[in-house]
């Protein structure tokens, strides 16, 4: 009976490890608990390896030795597979952004304006960003940043959608360089349910649709809204459209398995960082080193935009927000 129970337990452990490594195989990537576990692949791998070491302390007990060795083997295989998937998305955090004639996109969740006007303006100025997606950023701060940049000879249009102007987290701002032309916020397209998303369309119809997105986090009470938010963002990346999305998407590539279309990761949009080998550098939280954190801040673009380079800015961890900025250089194909 003990042997039977041991094998049954081993099968359950193996099934759990399989789901944790590749939930997409069973369509469970957005399921409660699984969604949270798969977000932190490196952390889960670390836990698995610690458990393997602790179990090896019991290997001298003959009656449980087969069970222990079996579970340890599964933990080691899980760790190798899961870390391999993680590393395949790219750990290069030193790519150089050279805008030249290309489009430079910056996204940074400011945690309710925390870095302040001067710091955000400095980062935009130094990186040469043309489009800046700022979740959890108020209209007041966006205007302040634009005014500061104007004093430096750079003009930006400010677009903000706010569900509560007095509470920073319920605002999302998009800054667009005047060199890209004029844009109008599309208030008819809909939006994310809990936290706002800005969709801006070029007035002359020539440039890309720019989206500053902020789906809600997959906390237990928001799972339905989280799924709906991701579906909405995916719907913006339709066939034939030129779209660039940036923001705190509160999700990793694993969560998008069922939302891609025509080779895209989210709709037809492709994650720029993973395309150029930087998609496994953690953007949240800032207290965790980049190799450990979750990759939930993204810049994506439709296939008419080719990613040239991407970099998570790791030198701003003391700026007041718990997110790292993501900077991407995009080249317009053709």
Foldseek 3Di string as FASTA:
>chain_A
DVVVVLVVVLVVLLVVLVCLQAVVVVPCCLPPPSVVSVQFLVVVLVVLQVVLVVLVVCCVPVVCNVSSVSSSVSSVVSSVRNVVVLQLLAADFDDDDDQVVWAKEKEDACQQCQLAQVVVLVVCVVRVHAKYKYALYAPVSQVSNQVVVVVVVWHWDKDKDAPDRVGSNQMIMMIGTCVQPDWDWDPPLDAQDRHGKTWIAHPVNPDATEIRHDQDACDPVCSVSLVVRLLSVLVVQEPPGKYKYWYQSNGALSSQSPQDDPPDSHNQKHWQSSLVRNRSQAFFFLVDHRNRHGRRTTMITHPQKHWDHKHFPNPCNVSGGRGTMIMTIIHGHD
